[in-house]
Amino acid sequence: MNRYLVKATAVGALGGLLFGFDTAVIAGTTQQLTEIFHLTPATLGITVFIGLVGTVIGAMGSGVLGQRFGGREALRLMAVLYTVSAIGSALAWNWDVLLVARFIGGLGIGGSSVLGPVYIAELAPAKWRGRMVGLFQVNVVVGILLAYLSNFLITLMHLGAAQWRWEFGVAFLPSLFFLILLYGIPRSSRWLVTTNQTDEALEVLRLMGSPDSEAELQEIVDSVHLERGVAQESLFQWKYRLPIFLAVSIGMFNQLSGINAILYYSNFIFASAGFSESSAALQTVGVGLVNLLATFLGMSLIDKWGRVTLLVVGAAGMAAALSGTAAIFYLNAHQGLLIWMLVAFIIFFAISQGSVIWVYLAEVFPSRVRSKGQSLGSSSHWIMNAAIAGVFPTIAAKSQGLPFAFFAVMMVVQLVVVLLVYPETKAISLEQIQSKLGVS
């Protein structure tokens, strides 16, 4: 580890903080937006859903963008989108403008969810890769906590009808900071090889502290077959069937846990259980703090226990916690236990899906299609997210326990699939993983 590697990793992961902030900040605005814009459960769902439409498009398009221009340059564009979205959401004079601003922010979230982990994975040594790529998820969780804390503090300021504008607008400063920092980090050595810029790739490897930069460069060159234009290889080939299944399934299961529905509508969920507005906002801060602490635990375990073990333990724990949450709403009793059930869910999510997804997506594809593969997995994640977030308010308005029962069943399905199909990838190089999956 040296300061150049640490700096590049930290900056690449900073997109995760904006990702997390923009994901969670909507939770504090749903009640006020409903009142100001006279939203129904369906149109409230659209308000959340439209940002996720942008996220899906951003995730699907960023793989090609990153492959062509490199992760660093593409992340700069994502930073600009974050900044524009923060300003537009804060100044929105009607619901339509708010939807456009949230869509733009979604493009940035989707793009950074693909580009950030890939950039870090292509710089990180094998023995630290899990923890270093996991730093992206740590930043996502930090962003979620900061959004909840920011919402709570702004609630205490009693800003009236302008409250939601401040909640959205505070993201401007970290977005601008992210953009500035992106001008001080190098391009990925593996991406440079795919574009035949081997001299610069060698220099980056030396800068990152590689113990044998020339040998590592040769390994990377061999892995991309020394072909010009190999970065344009099609992802959808039979030989990539297992990595594609792993990427799509882990992305879908991440959302079928219900995590983002809970994050987006946490204030609404607590309000449904009888908590006041300020109390609900404070409860979400507690959930966000637990999420952060559990994510650190997951990061400390991911390269020791491995990806598969964490996914299995997490799926079992989430299924139990979600079943308990569903029971509280179905029985309309023991509401005081709701916070504890959600805390348990968050812990099991953070040490499993939360810690593993972006690491696994960045590992299972070879360099020549890694950005595209990451884009596919991230897209499946965001498409499922959009579908669930869009219908959650309507379904919860009819049956508050039904969504949680559904999520619990999906976690049981995930447990079975992981045990039967998922390979372990801890502590081996990206090139060795390619051989293990039969795609070298």
Foldseek 3Di string as FASTA:
>chain_A
DDPQLVLQLLLLLLLLLLLLQLLQLLQLCLVLCCVVQVDDLQVSLVLNLLLLVLLLVLLQPLLVVCLVPNLLVSLLVLLVLSQQLLVQCLPPPHSVSNSVSSSSNSSSSNNSLLSSLLQSQLLDDQQQSLLSSLSSLLSSLVSNLVLLVQSLVLVVVCPDSSSSSVSSNVSNVSSVVSSVSSVPHDGRLLSCLQQPNNVVSLVSNVVSPPPCSVVVSVLSNVLLPVDHPLLVDDCPDPLCVQLLCVLLVLLLLLCLLVVSLCSNNQLVLLVVLPDDSSRSSVLSSVLSVLLSVLLVVLSVCCQPVFQLVLLLQLLVQSLVLLVVLLVCQVVVDPSVCNSVSSSSNSNSCNNHSSSRNSSSLSQQDGSSSSSNSSSSSSSSNSVSNSVCSSCVSVVCVVGVSVSSNSSSVSSVVSNVCSVVRPDTDHSDRSSVSCVVSSND
